[in-house]
Amino acid sequence: MAISSMTGFAREAGVTGPFQWAWEIKTVNGRGLEARVRTPPGFDAVGEEARSQVLKALTRGQGQITLNLTRTAMVPKVRVNREVLESLVAAVGALRLPDNVKPASVVGLLAVRGVVEIDEEPEDGSQAALHEALRPAFSRMVEALKNARLEEDRALVAVLEQQLTTIERFVAEAETAPARQPAAIKARLQSQIAQLLDGQASLDPDRLHQEAMLIAARADIREELDRLRAHVESARALLKDGGAVGRRLDFLAQEFGREANTLCAKANDVSLSRIGLELKAVIEQFREQVQNVE
């Protein structure tokens, strides 16, 4: 099972009767799971169904669902109200018109209000057909969104794997750093004491060795390096297992940072401090990328 990014976008559009419609959904990262819906008036029920479907399909992330709806131009239907027209004809025929008044023409009768009716409303079944079309379209869009998030995941996994490899490299550099060796600590301590005494006296070699060993013990980073390696193995196992592992990867990122901070605090040499700072930088990049994992 692959991991899934929380970032994705999908769209599904179509035409039903006089209506053009388009579903759109966009998801970004979030600590929990949230979905907001925006639909035209009269489509609240469809929007709520869509929201419920998204909450079932995803585990983490913030989603924005939008339904855009427009009505295409229709050729109006013209209908003559025969009852009204016949009534007008009968009424006009019963009139005695003066010689200078012409009888009513068909054009004049059709111009009377109520004789000709223009119907621009859609057919009765168009609204129901629209609702029926929107539901399966949204289901298809949710599947497209899940696939889009998986596509994003492939690039995300590659970045995380590269960052874990970089962390391993810095751990190896810290492991083999000459400054960690007791002999190097002893030589550095001896040089510092010589500068302080300015050649006026010397320190007992046995005492110098003891002090060097004490400093080496306090500055020992073996446990931090071991834990960093263990965290790298755990992170790789989570990436391999897949699923909704974002929270656990986020926890590991915090543990990485904690060990790197301790390593920097214990560093007794410029080279170790440099390694610790570079390690903290790549761990911060790892933590930022992990925020996108579902």
Protein backbone atom coordinates (compact mmCIF):
# COMPACT_ATOMS: atom_id res chain seq x y z
CA MET A 1 0.00 0.00 0.00
CA ALA A 2 1.38 3.39 -0.99
CA ILE A 3 1.25 6.51 1.12
CA SER A 4 -0.95 9.34 -0.07
CA SER A 5 -0.28 13.04 -0.31
CA MET A 6 -2.87 15.40 1.13
CA THR A 7 -2.50 17.70 -1.88
CA GLY A 8 -4.72 17.03 -4.89
CA PHE A 9 -7.23 18.41 -7.38
CA ALA A 10 -9.96 16.84 -9.53
CA ARG A 11 -12.75 18.07 -11.80
CA GLU A 12 -15.78 16.43 -13.42
CA ALA A 13 -18.05 18.31 -15.83
CA GLY A 14 -21.01 17.57 -18.08
CA VAL A 15 -24.28 18.72 -19.61
CA THR A 16 -27.73 17.53 -18.53
CA GLY A 17 -30.70 18.96 -20.39
CA PRO A 18 -30.46 22.75 -20.30
CA PHE A 19 -27.82 22.71 -17.54
CA GLN A 20 -24.04 22.80 -17.74
CA TRP A 21 -22.41 21.66 -14.50
CA ALA A 22 -18.93 21.11 -13.08
CA TRP A 23 -17.78 19.53 -9.82
CA GLU A 24 -14.39 20.62 -8.48
CA ILE A 25 -12.50 19.49 -5.40
CA LYS A 26 -9.17 20.69 -4.04
CA THR A 27 -7.40 19.27 -0.98
CA VAL A 28 -4.44 20.61 0.99
CA ASN A 29 -2.67 19.43 4.13
CA GLY A 30 -4.30 19.65 7.54
CA ARG A 31 -3.95 18.15 11.00
CA GLY A 32 -7.38 16.52 10.79
CA LEU A 33 -10.04 15.90 8.16
CA GLU A 34 -12.34 18.68 7.02
CA ALA A 35 -14.46 19.24 3.91
CA ARG A 36 -16.32 22.41 2.97
CA VAL A 37 -19.00 22.56 0.27
CA ARG A 38 -20.24 25.40 -1.92
CA THR A 39 -23.30 24.73 -4.08
CA PRO A 40 -25.97 26.86 -5.82
CA PRO A 41 -29.29 27.42 -3.99
CA GLY A 42 -31.47 24.33 -4.02
CA PHE A 43 -28.58 21.86 -4.14
CA ASP A 44 -27.76 21.67 -0.43
CA ALA A 45 -28.76 18.00 -0.20
CA VAL A 46 -26.48 17.03 -3.09
CA GLY A 47 -23.66 19.02 -1.51
CA GLU A 48 -24.07 17.29 1.83
CA GLU A 49 -23.98 13.89 0.12
CA ALA A 50 -20.76 14.94 -1.59
CA ARG A 51 -19.22 16.08 1.69
CA SER A 52 -20.12 12.79 3.37
CA GLN A 53 -18.53 10.83 0.54
CA VAL A 54 -15.26 12.77 0.83
CA LEU A 55 -15.09 12.23 4.59
CA LYS A 56 -15.43 8.48 4.01
CA ALA A 57 -12.84 8.37 1.23
CA LEU A 58 -10.03 10.37 2.91
CA THR A 59 -8.26 10.23 6.27
CA ARG A 60 -6.56 13.64 6.62
CA GLY A 61 -6.55 16.97 4.83
CA GLN A 62 -8.71 20.00 4.17
CA GLY A 63 -11.00 19.84 1.15
CA GLN A 64 -12.98 22.47 -0.74
CA ILE A 65 -15.87 21.10 -2.84
CA THR A 66 -17.53 23.37 -5.40
CA LEU A 67 -20.49 22.81 -7.73
CA ASN A 68 -20.70 25.32 -10.59
CA LEU A 69 -24.01 25.35 -12.46
CA THR A 70 -25.15 27.35 -15.51
CA ARG A 71 -28.24 27.08 -17.66
CA THR A 72 -27.82 27.03 -21.41
CA ALA A 73 -29.95 29.27 -23.64
CA MET A 74 -33.21 27.61 -24.66
CA VAL A 75 -35.49 28.15 -27.67
CA PRO A 76 -38.73 29.36 -26.06
CA LYS A 77 -41.90 27.39 -26.68
CA VAL A 78 -44.78 29.44 -28.15
CA ARG A 79 -48.31 28.32 -27.39
CA VAL A 80 -51.61 29.90 -28.53
CA ASN A 81 -54.38 29.86 -25.97
CA ARG A 82 -57.21 28.77 -28.28
CA GLU A 83 -59.94 29.28 -25.71
CA VAL A 84 -59.03 32.93 -25.24
CA LEU A 85 -58.61 33.48 -28.99
CA GLU A 86 -61.98 31.91 -29.85
CA SER A 87 -63.65 33.95 -27.15
CA LEU A 88 -62.14 37.14 -28.62
CA VAL A 89 -63.25 36.21 -32.15
CA ALA A 90 -66.79 35.56 -30.95
CA ALA A 91 -66.88 38.83 -29.03
CA VAL A 92 -65.55 40.84 -31.99
CA GLY A 93 -68.00 39.13 -34.37
CA ALA A 94 -70.94 40.12 -32.20
CA LEU A 95 -70.01 43.79 -32.35
CA ARG A 96 -71.59 46.27 -34.73
CA LEU A 97 -68.69 48.26 -36.03
CA PRO A 98 -69.00 51.72 -37.63
CA ASP A 99 -68.34 51.87 -41.35
CA ASN A 100 -65.02 53.60 -40.81
CA VAL A 101 -63.71 50.92 -38.40
CA LYS A 102 -62.04 47.84 -39.82
CA PRO A 103 -62.65 44.43 -38.18
CA ALA A 104 -59.91 42.99 -35.99
CA SER A 105 -57.13 41.14 -37.82
CA VAL A 106 -55.45 37.92 -36.70
CA VAL A 107 -52.30 39.88 -35.91
CA GLY A 108 -54.23 42.23 -33.69
CA LEU A 109 -55.95 39.39 -31.86
CA LEU A 110 -52.66 37.57 -31.26
CA ALA A 111 -51.25 40.74 -29.72
CA VAL A 112 -53.89 40.66 -26.99
CA ARG A 113 -52.37 39.67 -23.66
CA GLY A 114 -53.03 36.04 -22.78
CA VAL A 115 -53.60 34.81 -26.34
CA VAL A 116 -49.96 33.92 -26.99
CA GLU A 117 -47.96 32.31 -24.16
CA ILE A 118 -44.17 31.90 -24.20
CA ASP A 119 -42.73 29.14 -22.02
CA GLU A 120 -39.00 29.46 -21.16
CA GLU A 121 -38.99 27.06 -18.23
CA PRO A 122 -37.22 23.69 -18.56
CA GLU A 123 -39.20 20.51 -18.82
CA ASP A 124 -40.54 19.08 -15.60
CA GLY A 125 -38.02 16.19 -15.45
CA SER A 126 -34.86 18.21 -16.10
CA GLN A 127 -34.18 19.06 -12.44
CA ALA A 128 -34.54 15.43 -11.37
CA ALA A 129 -32.30 14.29 -14.23
CA LEU A 130 -29.70 16.85 -13.17
CA HIS A 131 -29.61 15.56 -9.60
CA GLU A 132 -29.25 11.99 -10.86
CA ALA A 133 -26.32 13.01 -13.08
CA LEU A 134 -24.49 14.90 -10.36
CA ARG A 135 -24.22 11.99 -7.91
CA PRO A 136 -22.26 9.46 -10.02
CA ALA A 137 -20.17 12.30 -11.44
CA PHE A 138 -19.05 13.22 -7.97
CA SER A 139 -18.13 9.61 -7.21
CA ARG A 140 -15.94 9.56 -10.31
CA MET A 141 -14.30 12.79 -9.23
CA VAL A 142 -13.46 11.40 -5.77
CA GLU A 143 -11.70 8.45 -7.42
CA ALA A 144 -9.81 10.88 -9.67
CA LEU A 145 -8.80 12.88 -6.60
CA LYS A 146 -7.47 9.78 -4.85
CA ASN A 147 -5.42 8.91 -7.93
CA ALA A 148 -4.09 12.46 -8.12
CA ARG A 149 -3.01 12.29 -4.49
CA LEU A 150 -1.25 8.98 -5.18
CA GLU A 151 0.56 10.53 -8.15
CA GLU A 152 1.72 13.34 -5.89
CA ASP A 153 2.85 10.68 -3.45
CA ARG A 154 5.40 9.18 -5.86
CA ALA A 155 7.35 12.43 -5.99
CA LEU A 156 6.91 12.93 -2.25
CA VAL A 157 8.31 9.49 -1.38
CA ALA A 158 11.36 10.12 -3.57
CA VAL A 159 12.06 13.37 -1.71
CA LEU A 160 11.62 11.77 1.73
CA GLU A 161 13.88 8.83 0.81
CA GLN A 162 16.56 11.22 -0.37
CA GLN A 163 16.36 13.19 2.87
CA LEU A 164 16.63 10.00 4.95
CA THR A 165 19.74 9.05 2.97
CA THR A 166 21.22 12.48 3.70
CA ILE A 167 20.49 12.04 7.42
CA GLU A 168 22.28 8.68 7.30
CA ARG A 169 25.30 10.29 5.65
CA PHE A 170 25.58 12.96 8.34
CA VAL A 171 25.24 10.31 11.05
CA ALA A 172 28.11 8.37 9.45
CA GLU A 173 30.23 11.53 9.29
CA ALA A 174 29.61 12.20 12.97
CA GLU A 175 30.44 8.58 13.77
CA THR A 176 33.87 8.77 12.16
CA ALA A 177 34.72 12.35 13.15
CA PRO A 178 38.29 12.42 14.52
CA ALA A 179 37.24 14.95 17.15
CA ARG A 180 35.27 12.20 18.96
CA GLN A 181 38.39 10.15 19.74
CA PRO A 182 39.79 10.41 23.30
CA ALA A 183 43.28 11.03 21.93
CA ALA A 184 42.07 14.08 20.02
CA ILE A 185 40.26 15.38 23.09
CA LYS A 186 43.39 14.85 25.18
CA ALA A 187 45.59 16.71 22.68
CA ARG A 188 43.12 19.62 22.49
CA LEU A 189 42.90 19.81 26.29
CA GLN A 190 46.69 19.67 26.60
CA SER A 191 47.10 22.50 24.11
CA GLN A 192 44.56 24.65 25.95
CA ILE A 193 46.29 24.05 29.29
CA ALA A 194 49.69 24.85 27.78
CA GLN A 195 48.36 28.17 26.56
CA LEU A 196 46.95 28.96 30.01
CA LEU A 197 50.15 27.99 31.85
CA ASP A 198 52.37 29.61 29.22
CA GLY A 199 55.03 26.97 29.78
CA GLN A 200 55.50 27.81 33.45
CA ALA A 201 54.44 24.45 34.74
CA SER A 202 53.10 21.15 33.50
CA LEU A 203 50.07 19.08 34.35
CA ASP A 204 50.43 15.55 35.59
CA PRO A 205 49.96 13.23 32.56
CA ASP A 206 47.71 10.86 34.52
CA ARG A 207 45.48 13.73 35.62
CA LEU A 208 45.39 15.04 32.06
CA HIS A 209 44.29 11.64 30.79
CA GLN A 210 41.55 11.43 33.41
CA GLU A 211 40.21 14.88 32.52
CA ALA A 212 40.25 13.98 28.84
CA MET A 213 38.26 10.82 29.52
CA LEU A 214 35.70 12.73 31.58
CA ILE A 215 35.21 15.28 28.81
CA ALA A 216 34.93 12.51 26.24
CA ALA A 217 32.27 10.75 28.34
CA ARG A 218 30.21 13.93 28.71
CA ALA A 219 30.50 14.62 24.99
CA ASP A 220 29.76 11.05 23.88
CA ILE A 221 27.07 11.04 21.16
CA ARG A 222 26.90 7.29 20.64
CA GLU A 223 23.32 7.01 21.93
CA GLU A 224 22.13 9.92 19.78
CA LEU A 225 23.68 8.38 16.66
CA ASP A 226 22.15 4.98 17.42
CA ARG A 227 18.71 6.51 17.91
CA LEU A 228 19.01 8.52 14.70
CA ARG A 229 19.79 5.32 12.78
CA ALA A 230 16.82 3.58 14.42
CA HIS A 231 14.53 6.47 13.46
CA VAL A 232 15.72 6.28 9.84
CA GLU A 233 14.86 2.56 9.74
CA SER A 234 11.42 3.24 11.27
CA ALA A 235 10.69 6.01 8.75
CA ARG A 236 11.65 3.79 5.82
CA ALA A 237 9.44 0.99 7.17
CA LEU A 238 6.48 3.39 7.34
CA LEU A 239 7.07 4.57 3.78
CA LYS A 240 7.20 0.95 2.62
CA ASP A 241 4.06 -0.12 4.51
CA GLY A 242 2.11 2.90 3.25
CA GLY A 243 -1.36 3.92 4.31
CA ALA A 244 -2.22 6.87 6.53
CA VAL A 245 1.21 7.18 8.21
CA GLY A 246 1.50 10.97 8.21
CA ARG A 247 1.06 11.39 11.97
CA ARG A 248 3.67 8.73 12.78
CA LEU A 249 6.14 10.26 10.34
CA ASP A 250 5.53 13.63 11.95
CA PHE A 251 6.32 12.12 15.36
CA LEU A 252 9.55 10.64 13.98
CA ALA A 253 10.50 14.04 12.55
CA GLN A 254 10.18 15.51 16.05
CA GLU A 255 12.38 12.72 17.43
CA PHE A 256 14.96 13.39 14.71
CA GLY A 257 15.05 17.02 15.76
CA ARG A 258 15.42 16.17 19.44
CA GLU A 259 18.46 13.93 18.80
CA ALA A 260 20.06 16.50 16.49
CA ASN A 261 19.68 19.21 19.15
CA THR A 262 21.37 16.99 21.74
CA LEU A 263 24.19 16.20 19.31
CA CYS A 264 24.81 19.91 18.75
CA ALA A 265 24.79 20.54 22.50
CA LYS A 266 27.40 17.81 23.06
CA ALA A 267 29.61 18.80 20.15
CA ASN A 268 33.15 19.47 21.37
CA ASP A 269 34.58 20.46 18.03
CA VAL A 270 33.81 22.78 15.13
CA SER A 271 33.50 19.86 12.72
CA LEU A 272 30.89 18.12 14.89
CA SER A 273 28.98 21.38 15.30
CA ARG A 274 28.90 21.77 11.51
CA ILE A 275 27.59 18.24 11.08
CA GLY A 276 24.95 18.84 13.75
CA LEU A 277 23.73 22.06 12.10
CA GLU A 278 23.54 20.46 8.65
CA LEU A 279 21.69 17.53 10.19
CA LYS A 280 19.16 19.88 11.77
CA ALA A 281 18.63 21.61 8.41
CA VAL A 282 17.80 18.40 6.52
CA ILE A 283 15.59 17.19 9.39
CA GLU A 284 13.60 20.43 9.17
CA GLN A 285 13.16 19.85 5.42
CA PHE A 286 12.01 16.29 6.17
CA ARG A 287 9.51 17.59 8.73
CA GLU A 288 8.07 20.08 6.22
CA GLN A 289 7.57 17.41 3.57
CA VAL A 290 5.98 15.04 6.09
CA GLN A 291 3.23 17.61 6.67
CA ASN A 292 1.87 16.70 3.23
CA VAL A 293 1.52 12.98 3.98
CA GLU A 294 -2.00 11.76 4.77
